[in-house]
Every structure is written in C-alpha cells, then in structure tokens.
Amino acid sequence: MKKFNPTFINQLSFNENGLIPAIAQDWLDGAVLMMAWMNKDSLELTINTGEVHYWSRSRKEIWRKGETSGNIQIVKGIRYDCDADTILLSIDQKNLISCHTGERSCFFLDVEDNSNQNPNGQSPPSDSCSEISKIIELRQSFPEKDSYTNKLLNKGDNLILKKIGEESAEFIMACMDNDENSIANEAADLIFHLQVALAHHKVKWREVLKVLAARRNLPRRHLDNK
C-alpha cells in the first residue's frame, strides 16, 4: 500500500460544510471516472487504508467505494488544484466499473449525442493510444467492410508482423534523416500496427501500460550493468 504524508490535508480548502470535491481518474490511461465528495475523516481513512472513502451527503455518513459492489478503488496518487479546493485521485478501479449504472465511468453522456440518454457501453475519453486500441477491439467484434484494421486482423500474423517490420524500418530511416515530422508519423504507424498485433493475440493495451507503469518504479538500469 502506498504511503501518503497526511500533512497536506491542512493545506486544503474545505467548503462551509467541511467537504471537498474529489475527482477519480484512472491511473493508467487518465480516463475521468467519477466525482464525489470527501470530508477530512474520509480522506484520512483513504490515506490510512489505501482504499477510497467518500462522504455521502444524502446519508450523512462515510462510505467505502465498492463496499457492496466489490468495485473498490485503490489509491495510486493524490493531487490537489492551485486553489486547494479540489482533489484529484489517481486510482486503480477494480473490475473497471466506477458508476452505479455498471459503466466504467459516470461520464457516459455526450452533449453531442442527445439521443444517448442511457448507459450504452460508452468509454470515457482517455489517452490517444488507449483510444486507438478501443477502436481496434471494436473492429474485431464488429468488422467493417474495407477496413484496413480488419484486413490486417483477417490476414493474421503473416501480414501484421510483416507490416511491423516495414514500419520499424521506416521509423529507423526517419530517425536517421532527423526529420521530426516523419519521425512522429512513422512512430504513430508503428504503434498502431503493434496494437493490432496485440489485439490479434488477445493482449490488452492496458497490460502494456501496466508493465510500463511498473518499470517506472524499478531502480534505474545503467548501461554498464547490462
């Protein structure tokens, strides 16, 4: 369990009811999952237990997220804004469900799509690579005619791995030419084809993010130690 120094609580600006809004954000892909209220006691419980506790304004009591559903939230990081009146929780959402409707995020309604007034498997916005991986998985489940992604998936490793080899070579050449625009474009092509290969082998992009996150906490490796 990650340890947090509780002294930061004294820097926070709670409202007249002793509450502060807390936004829960996925620790891997940055997706905003939910917003709820905390008071000093629930925040201290969160710090001491490592599991997120909120304050219920309707029931007038502290509640542990996921106590009945099992969809608990493990704290990975805590920040607060420049006015110290809002908390940002970086969390590991168990079962990937934070909303009481069963959705991953409470923010599933899109103002540009007024017809979607009910939960319908809408994923919250996240980083671009995670967004692309969702589209690839969608093509797997619901193929589209003339889709390049589906062409790759249908051909399997023979075509996918060939494309990864080609894109790797093109990325290397772009780096050799020191062309910033080409490097960015070839890197994007390479990452896309890597993600198609992952999807083909049923490896979630999220698993890659977990590996990268774990490596951030490892001691730095030096060239002379290899």
C-alpha atoms as a PDB file:
ATOM      1  CA  MET A   1       0.000   0.000   0.000  1.00  0.00           C
ATOM      2  CA  LYS A   2       1.342   3.397  -0.968  1.00  0.00           C
ATOM      3  CA  LYS A   3       2.041   5.738   1.944  1.00  0.00           C
ATOM      4  CA  PHE A   4       0.975   9.380   1.859  1.00  0.00           C
ATOM      5  CA  ASN A   5       2.041  12.157   4.191  1.00  0.00           C
ATOM      6  CA  PRO A   6      -1.268  13.366   5.702  1.00  0.00           C
ATOM      7  CA  THR A   7       0.012  16.880   6.447  1.00  0.00           C
ATOM      8  CA  PHE A   8      -1.233  18.071   3.042  1.00  0.00           C
ATOM      9  CA  ILE A   9      -4.786  17.879   4.404  1.00  0.00           C
ATOM     10  CA  ASN A  10      -4.096  21.061   6.369  1.00  0.00           C
ATOM     11  CA  GLN A  11      -3.461  22.877   3.071  1.00  0.00           C
ATOM     12  CA  LEU A  12      -6.899  22.028   1.642  1.00  0.00           C
ATOM     13  CA  SER A  13      -9.844  24.426   1.486  1.00  0.00           C
ATOM     14  CA  PHE A  14     -12.961  22.553   2.552  1.00  0.00           C
ATOM     15  CA  ASN A  15     -16.315  24.273   1.928  1.00  0.00           C
ATOM     16  CA  GLU A  16     -18.684  25.581   4.580  1.00  0.00           C
ATOM     17  CA  ASN A  17     -19.962  22.029   5.122  1.00  0.00           C
ATOM     18  CA  GLY A  18     -16.474  20.644   5.619  1.00  0.00           C
ATOM     19  CA  LEU A  19     -16.477  18.974   2.210  1.00  0.00           C
ATOM     20  CA  ILE A  20     -14.221  18.990  -0.834  1.00  0.00           C
ATOM     21  CA  PRO A  21     -14.941  17.554  -4.320  1.00  0.00           C
ATOM     22  CA  ALA A  22     -12.785  14.564  -5.299  1.00  0.00           C
ATOM     23  CA  ILE A  23     -12.325  13.501  -8.910  1.00  0.00           C
ATOM     24  CA  ALA A  24     -11.291   9.894  -9.546  1.00  0.00           C
ATOM     25  CA  GLN A  25      -9.030   9.333 -12.555  1.00  0.00           C
ATOM     26  CA  ASP A  26      -7.739   6.027 -13.925  1.00  0.00           C
ATOM     27  CA  TRP A  27      -4.071   5.671 -13.008  1.00  0.00           C
ATOM     28  CA  LEU A  28      -3.109   4.116 -16.352  1.00  0.00           C
ATOM     29  CA  ASP A  29      -4.967   5.813 -19.199  1.00  0.00           C
ATOM     30  CA  GLY A  30      -6.078   9.027 -17.478  1.00  0.00           C
ATOM     31  CA  ALA A  31      -9.806   8.468 -18.005  1.00  0.00           C
ATOM     32  CA  VAL A  32     -12.012  10.508 -15.651  1.00  0.00           C
ATOM     33  CA  LEU A  33     -14.210   8.013 -13.835  1.00  0.00           C
ATOM     34  CA  MET A  34     -16.341   9.826 -11.272  1.00  0.00           C
ATOM     35  CA  MET A  35     -16.708  12.720  -8.876  1.00  0.00           C
ATOM     36  CA  ALA A  36     -17.830  12.509  -5.256  1.00  0.00           C
ATOM     37  CA  TRP A  37     -17.362  14.395  -2.003  1.00  0.00           C
ATOM     38  CA  MET A  38     -14.889  13.886   0.816  1.00  0.00           C
ATOM     39  CA  ASN A  39     -14.515  15.323   4.268  1.00  0.00           C
ATOM     40  CA  LYS A  40     -11.403  15.281   6.421  1.00  0.00           C
ATOM     41  CA  ASP A  41     -12.299  11.950   8.060  1.00  0.00           C
ATOM     42  CA  SER A  42     -12.996  10.140   4.780  1.00  0.00           C
ATOM     43  CA  LEU A  43      -9.763  11.490   3.327  1.00  0.00           C
ATOM     44  CA  GLU A  44      -7.815  10.288   6.332  1.00  0.00           C
ATOM     45  CA  LEU A  45      -9.457   6.853   6.022  1.00  0.00           C
ATOM     46  CA  THR A  46      -8.490   6.796   2.360  1.00  0.00           C
ATOM     47  CA  ILE A  47      -4.874   7.554   3.230  1.00  0.00           C
ATOM     48  CA  ASN A  48      -4.723   5.051   6.097  1.00  0.00           C
ATOM     49  CA  THR A  49      -6.404   2.133   4.303  1.00  0.00           C
ATOM     50  CA  GLY A  50      -5.315   2.716   0.717  1.00  0.00           C
ATOM     51  CA  GLU A  51      -8.942   2.331  -0.407  1.00  0.00           C
ATOM     52  CA  VAL A  52     -11.028   5.353  -1.389  1.00  0.00           C
ATOM     53  CA  HIS A  53     -13.692   6.504   1.082  1.00  0.00           C
ATOM     54  CA  TYR A  54     -16.169   9.260   0.272  1.00  0.00           C
ATOM     55  CA  TRP A  55     -18.757  11.238   2.191  1.00  0.00           C
ATOM     56  CA  SER A  56     -22.424  10.693   1.362  1.00  0.00           C
ATOM     57  CA  ARG A  57     -24.351  13.971   1.585  1.00  0.00           C
ATOM     58  CA  SER A  58     -27.704  12.174   1.456  1.00  0.00           C
ATOM     59  CA  ARG A  59     -26.928   9.546   4.114  1.00  0.00           C
ATOM     60  CA  LYS A  60     -24.649  11.831   6.143  1.00  0.00           C
ATOM     61  CA  GLU A  61     -22.016   9.130   6.509  1.00  0.00           C
ATOM     62  CA  ILE A  62     -18.699   7.892   5.162  1.00  0.00           C
ATOM     63  CA  TRP A  63     -18.902   5.179   2.522  1.00  0.00           C
ATOM     64  CA  ARG A  64     -16.163   2.964   1.152  1.00  0.00           C
ATOM     65  CA  LYS A  65     -16.286   2.818  -2.614  1.00  0.00           C
ATOM     66  CA  GLY A  66     -17.194  -0.714  -3.734  1.00  0.00           C
ATOM     67  CA  GLU A  67     -18.241  -1.904  -0.279  1.00  0.00           C
ATOM     68  CA  THR A  68     -21.336  -3.643  -1.686  1.00  0.00           C
ATOM     69  CA  SER A  69     -20.431  -3.962  -5.384  1.00  0.00           C
ATOM     70  CA  GLY A  70     -16.830  -5.036  -4.973  1.00  0.00           C
ATOM     71  CA  ASN A  71     -15.738  -2.236  -7.316  1.00  0.00           C
ATOM     72  CA  ILE A  72     -13.257  -0.793  -4.859  1.00  0.00           C
ATOM     73  CA  GLN A  73     -10.782   1.953  -5.696  1.00  0.00           C
ATOM     74  CA  ILE A  74      -7.118   1.631  -4.715  1.00  0.00           C
ATOM     75  CA  VAL A  75      -5.276   4.922  -4.326  1.00  0.00           C
ATOM     76  CA  LYS A  76      -2.204   5.360  -6.510  1.00  0.00           C
ATOM     77  CA  GLY A  77      -1.735   9.095  -6.131  1.00  0.00           C
ATOM     78  CA  ILE A  78      -3.326  12.245  -4.705  1.00  0.00           C
ATOM     79  CA  ARG A  79      -3.086  15.796  -6.019  1.00  0.00           C
ATOM     80  CA  TYR A  80      -4.962  18.996  -5.368  1.00  0.00           C
ATOM     81  CA  ASP A  81      -5.511  22.024  -7.585  1.00  0.00           C
ATOM     82  CA  CYS A  82      -3.987  25.511  -7.415  1.00  0.00           C
ATOM     83  CA  ASP A  83      -6.802  26.771  -5.154  1.00  0.00           C
ATOM     84  CA  ALA A  84      -6.549  23.683  -2.933  1.00  0.00           C
ATOM     85  CA  ASP A  85     -10.330  23.250  -3.146  1.00  0.00           C
ATOM     86  CA  THR A  86     -10.495  20.138  -5.365  1.00  0.00           C
ATOM     87  CA  ILE A  87      -8.766  16.768  -5.045  1.00  0.00           C
ATOM     88  CA  LEU A  88      -7.618  14.576  -7.922  1.00  0.00           C
ATOM     89  CA  LEU A  89      -7.349  10.896  -7.031  1.00  0.00           C
ATOM     90  CA  SER A  90      -5.267   8.627  -9.238  1.00  0.00           C
ATOM     91  CA  ILE A  91      -6.887   5.239  -8.681  1.00  0.00           C
ATOM     92  CA  ASP A  92      -6.830   1.602  -9.682  1.00  0.00           C
ATOM     93  CA  GLN A  93     -10.507   0.838 -10.299  1.00  0.00           C
ATOM     94  CA  LYS A  94     -11.189  -2.807  -9.589  1.00  0.00           C
ATOM     95  CA  ASN A  95     -13.384  -4.547 -12.189  1.00  0.00           C
ATOM     96  CA  LEU A  96     -13.096  -1.347 -14.301  1.00  0.00           C
ATOM     97  CA  ILE A  97     -16.541  -0.217 -13.090  1.00  0.00           C
ATOM     98  CA  SER A  98     -16.910   3.022 -11.148  1.00  0.00           C
ATOM     99  CA  CYS A  99     -20.513   4.070 -11.905  1.00  0.00           C
ATOM    100  CA  HIS A 100     -23.546   2.649 -10.080  1.00  0.00           C
ATOM    101  CA  THR A 101     -25.101   2.047 -13.531  1.00  0.00           C
ATOM    102  CA  GLY A 102     -22.430  -0.549 -14.286  1.00  0.00           C
ATOM    103  CA  GLU A 103     -20.498   1.717 -16.621  1.00  0.00           C
ATOM    104  CA  ARG A 104     -16.777   2.213 -16.377  1.00  0.00           C
ATOM    105  CA  SER A 105     -17.243   5.970 -15.908  1.00  0.00           C
ATOM    106  CA  CYS A 106     -20.101   8.127 -14.675  1.00  0.00           C
ATOM    107  CA  PHE A 107     -19.422  10.469 -17.603  1.00  0.00           C
ATOM    108  CA  PHE A 108     -21.019   8.425 -20.378  1.00  0.00           C
ATOM    109  CA  LEU A 109     -23.477  11.031 -21.692  1.00  0.00           C
ATOM    110  CA  ASP A 110     -22.205  13.064 -24.649  1.00  0.00           C
ATOM    111  CA  VAL A 111     -23.696  16.521 -25.252  1.00  0.00           C
ATOM    112  CA  GLU A 112     -23.162  15.997 -28.991  1.00  0.00           C
ATOM    113  CA  ASP A 113     -25.376  12.902 -28.954  1.00  0.00           C
ATOM    114  CA  ASN A 114     -28.612  13.786 -27.178  1.00  0.00           C
ATOM    115  CA  SER A 115     -30.198  10.521 -28.250  1.00  0.00           C
ATOM    116  CA  ASN A 116     -27.887   8.589 -25.966  1.00  0.00           C
ATOM    117  CA  GLN A 117     -29.644   9.135 -22.665  1.00  0.00           C
ATOM    118  CA  ASN A 118     -28.879   5.721 -21.188  1.00  0.00           C
ATOM    119  CA  PRO A 119     -25.678   3.840 -20.432  1.00  0.00           C
ATOM    120  CA  ASN A 120     -24.617   2.058 -23.594  1.00  0.00           C
ATOM    121  CA  GLY A 121     -21.085   0.885 -23.033  1.00  0.00           C
ATOM    122  CA  GLN A 122     -19.640   4.331 -23.712  1.00  0.00           C
ATOM    123  CA  SER A 123     -15.979   4.544 -22.770  1.00  0.00           C
ATOM    124  CA  PRO A 124     -14.671   7.714 -21.150  1.00  0.00           C
ATOM    125  CA  PRO A 125     -12.087   9.730 -23.106  1.00  0.00           C
ATOM    126  CA  SER A 126      -8.535   8.662 -22.376  1.00  0.00           C
ATOM    127  CA  ASP A 127      -5.084   8.963 -23.947  1.00  0.00           C
ATOM    128  CA  SER A 128      -4.821   8.604 -27.737  1.00  0.00           C
ATOM    129  CA  CYS A 129      -3.121   5.208 -27.707  1.00  0.00           C
ATOM    130  CA  SER A 130      -5.821   3.760 -25.470  1.00  0.00           C
ATOM    131  CA  GLU A 131      -8.488   5.285 -27.727  1.00  0.00           C
ATOM    132  CA  ILE A 132      -6.943   3.620 -30.787  1.00  0.00           C
ATOM    133  CA  SER A 133      -6.805   0.272 -29.005  1.00  0.00           C
ATOM    134  CA  LYS A 134     -10.535   0.547 -28.273  1.00  0.00           C
ATOM    135  CA  ILE A 135     -11.254   1.133 -31.966  1.00  0.00           C
ATOM    136  CA  ILE A 136      -9.152  -1.898 -32.937  1.00  0.00           C
ATOM    137  CA  GLU A 137     -11.032  -4.064 -30.442  1.00  0.00           C
ATOM    138  CA  LEU A 138     -14.300  -2.685 -31.813  1.00  0.00           C
ATOM    139  CA  ARG A 139     -13.270  -3.714 -35.337  1.00  0.00           C
ATOM    140  CA  GLN A 140     -12.568  -7.197 -34.009  1.00  0.00           C
ATOM    141  CA  SER A 141     -16.090  -7.523 -32.606  1.00  0.00           C
ATOM    142  CA  PHE A 142     -17.859  -5.601 -35.354  1.00  0.00           C
ATOM    143  CA  PRO A 143     -15.905  -5.844 -38.633  1.00  0.00           C
ATOM    144  CA  GLU A 144     -16.386  -3.125 -41.229  1.00  0.00           C
ATOM    145  CA  LYS A 145     -16.140  -3.552 -44.961  1.00  0.00           C
ATOM    146  CA  ASP A 146     -12.993  -2.071 -46.493  1.00  0.00           C
ATOM    147  CA  SER A 147     -11.496  -1.528 -43.020  1.00  0.00           C
ATOM    148  CA  TYR A 148      -7.698  -1.635 -43.098  1.00  0.00           C
ATOM    149  CA  THR A 149      -7.717  -2.823 -39.496  1.00  0.00           C
ATOM    150  CA  ASN A 150      -9.987  -5.742 -40.385  1.00  0.00           C
ATOM    151  CA  LYS A 151      -7.784  -6.594 -43.373  1.00  0.00           C
ATOM    152  CA  LEU A 152      -4.817  -6.893 -41.033  1.00  0.00           C
ATOM    153  CA  LEU A 153      -6.746  -8.924 -38.470  1.00  0.00           C
ATOM    154  CA  ASN A 154      -8.114 -11.274 -41.122  1.00  0.00           C
ATOM    155  CA  LYS A 155      -4.649 -11.945 -42.572  1.00  0.00           C
ATOM    156  CA  GLY A 156      -3.206 -12.521 -39.095  1.00  0.00           C
ATOM    157  CA  ASP A 157       0.474 -12.683 -38.213  1.00  0.00           C
ATOM    158  CA  ASN A 158       1.667 -13.096 -41.791  1.00  0.00           C
ATOM    159  CA  LEU A 159       0.573  -9.567 -42.723  1.00  0.00           C
ATOM    160  CA  ILE A 160       0.622  -7.918 -39.298  1.00  0.00           C
ATOM    161  CA  LEU A 161       4.210  -8.877 -38.479  1.00  0.00           C
ATOM    162  CA  LYS A 162       5.348  -8.014 -41.994  1.00  0.00           C
ATOM    163  CA  LYS A 163       3.879  -4.527 -41.548  1.00  0.00           C
ATOM    164  CA  ILE A 164       5.572  -4.144 -38.151  1.00  0.00           C
ATOM    165  CA  GLY A 165       8.896  -4.958 -39.807  1.00  0.00           C
ATOM    166  CA  GLU A 166       8.267  -2.429 -42.583  1.00  0.00           C
ATOM    167  CA  GLU A 167       7.134   0.293 -40.189  1.00  0.00           C
ATOM    168  CA  SER A 168      10.125  -0.338 -37.897  1.00  0.00           C
ATOM    169  CA  ALA A 169      12.479   0.128 -40.828  1.00  0.00           C
ATOM    170  CA  GLU A 170      10.701   3.318 -41.906  1.00  0.00           C
ATOM    171  CA  PHE A 171      10.866   4.663 -38.354  1.00  0.00           C
ATOM    172  CA  ILE A 172      14.599   3.958 -38.232  1.00  0.00           C
ATOM    173  CA  MET A 173      15.130   5.729 -41.563  1.00  0.00           C
ATOM    174  CA  ALA A 174      13.135   8.749 -40.349  1.00  0.00           C
ATOM    175  CA  CYS A 175      15.355   8.944 -37.281  1.00  0.00           C
ATOM    176  CA  MET A 176      18.448   8.649 -39.469  1.00  0.00           C
ATOM    177  CA  ASP A 177      17.158  11.576 -41.559  1.00  0.00           C
ATOM    178  CA  ASN A 178      16.393  13.501 -38.355  1.00  0.00           C
ATOM    179  CA  ASP A 179      13.049  14.585 -39.818  1.00  0.00           C
ATOM    180  CA  GLU A 180      10.822  15.491 -36.863  1.00  0.00           C
ATOM    181  CA  ASN A 181       7.546  15.236 -38.796  1.00  0.00           C
ATOM    182  CA  SER A 182       8.468  11.897 -40.386  1.00  0.00           C
ATOM    183  CA  ILE A 183       9.646  10.503 -37.063  1.00  0.00           C
ATOM    184  CA  ALA A 184       6.303  11.356 -35.450  1.00  0.00           C
ATOM    185  CA  ASN A 185       4.309   9.879 -38.343  1.00  0.00           C
ATOM    186  CA  GLU A 186       6.343   6.688 -38.579  1.00  0.00           C
ATOM    187  CA  ALA A 187       6.181   6.251 -34.790  1.00  0.00           C
ATOM    188  CA  ALA A 188       2.386   6.539 -34.962  1.00  0.00           C
ATOM    189  CA  ASP A 189       2.248   3.924 -37.756  1.00  0.00           C
ATOM    190  CA  LEU A 190       4.473   1.581 -35.774  1.00  0.00           C
ATOM    191  CA  ILE A 191       2.431   1.926 -32.579  1.00  0.00           C
ATOM    192  CA  PHE A 192      -0.800   1.288 -34.493  1.00  0.00           C
ATOM    193  CA  HIS A 193       0.496  -1.943 -36.039  1.00  0.00           C
ATOM    194  CA  LEU A 194       1.888  -3.042 -32.679  1.00  0.00           C
ATOM    195  CA  GLN A 195      -1.580  -2.562 -31.214  1.00  0.00           C
ATOM    196  CA  VAL A 196      -3.143  -4.622 -33.993  1.00  0.00           C
ATOM    197  CA  ALA A 197      -0.693  -7.422 -33.185  1.00  0.00           C
ATOM    198  CA  LEU A 198      -1.597  -7.175 -29.504  1.00  0.00           C
ATOM    199  CA  ALA A 199      -5.313  -7.367 -30.323  1.00  0.00           C
ATOM    200  CA  HIS A 200      -4.738 -10.326 -32.632  1.00  0.00           C
ATOM    201  CA  HIS A 201      -3.022 -12.160 -29.777  1.00  0.00           C
ATOM    202  CA  LYS A 202      -5.686 -11.018 -27.301  1.00  0.00           C
ATOM    203  CA  VAL A 203      -3.291  -8.928 -25.227  1.00  0.00           C
ATOM    204  CA  LYS A 204      -4.923  -5.765 -23.898  1.00  0.00           C
ATOM    205  CA  TRP A 205      -3.148  -2.425 -24.381  1.00  0.00           C
ATOM    206  CA  ARG A 206      -3.849  -1.871 -20.700  1.00  0.00           C
ATOM    207  CA  GLU A 207      -1.480  -4.744 -19.881  1.00  0.00           C
ATOM    208  CA  VAL A 208       1.292  -2.906 -21.726  1.00  0.00           C
ATOM    209  CA  LEU A 209       0.533   0.236 -19.718  1.00  0.00           C
ATOM    210  CA  LYS A 210       0.775  -1.799 -16.502  1.00  0.00           C
ATOM    211  CA  VAL A 211       4.217  -3.064 -17.476  1.00  0.00           C
ATOM    212  CA  LEU A 212       5.400   0.459 -18.280  1.00  0.00           C
ATOM    213  CA  ALA A 213       3.971   1.763 -15.005  1.00  0.00           C
ATOM    214  CA  ALA A 214       5.704  -0.990 -13.041  1.00  0.00           C
ATOM    215  CA  ARG A 215       9.013  -0.212 -14.710  1.00  0.00           C
ATOM    216  CA  ARG A 216       8.805   3.400 -13.579  1.00  0.00           C
ATOM    217  CA  ASN A 217       9.240   2.196 -10.011  1.00  0.00           C
ATOM    218  CA  LEU A 218      12.235  -0.050 -10.741  1.00  0.00           C
ATOM    219  CA  PRO A 219      15.782   1.105  -9.962  1.00  0.00           C
ATOM    220  CA  ARG A 220      17.359   2.827 -12.959  1.00  0.00           C
ATOM    221  CA  ARG A 221      19.387   0.466 -15.118  1.00  0.00           C
ATOM    222  CA  HIS A 222      22.822   1.592 -16.257  1.00  0.00           C
ATOM    223  CA  LEU A 223      24.478   0.588 -19.495  1.00  0.00           C
ATOM    224  CA  ASP A 224      27.463  -0.830 -17.671  1.00  0.00           C
ATOM    225  CA  ASN A 225      25.186  -3.203 -15.737  1.00  0.00           C
ATOM    226  CA  LYS A 226      23.822  -4.915 -18.855  1.00  0.00           C
END
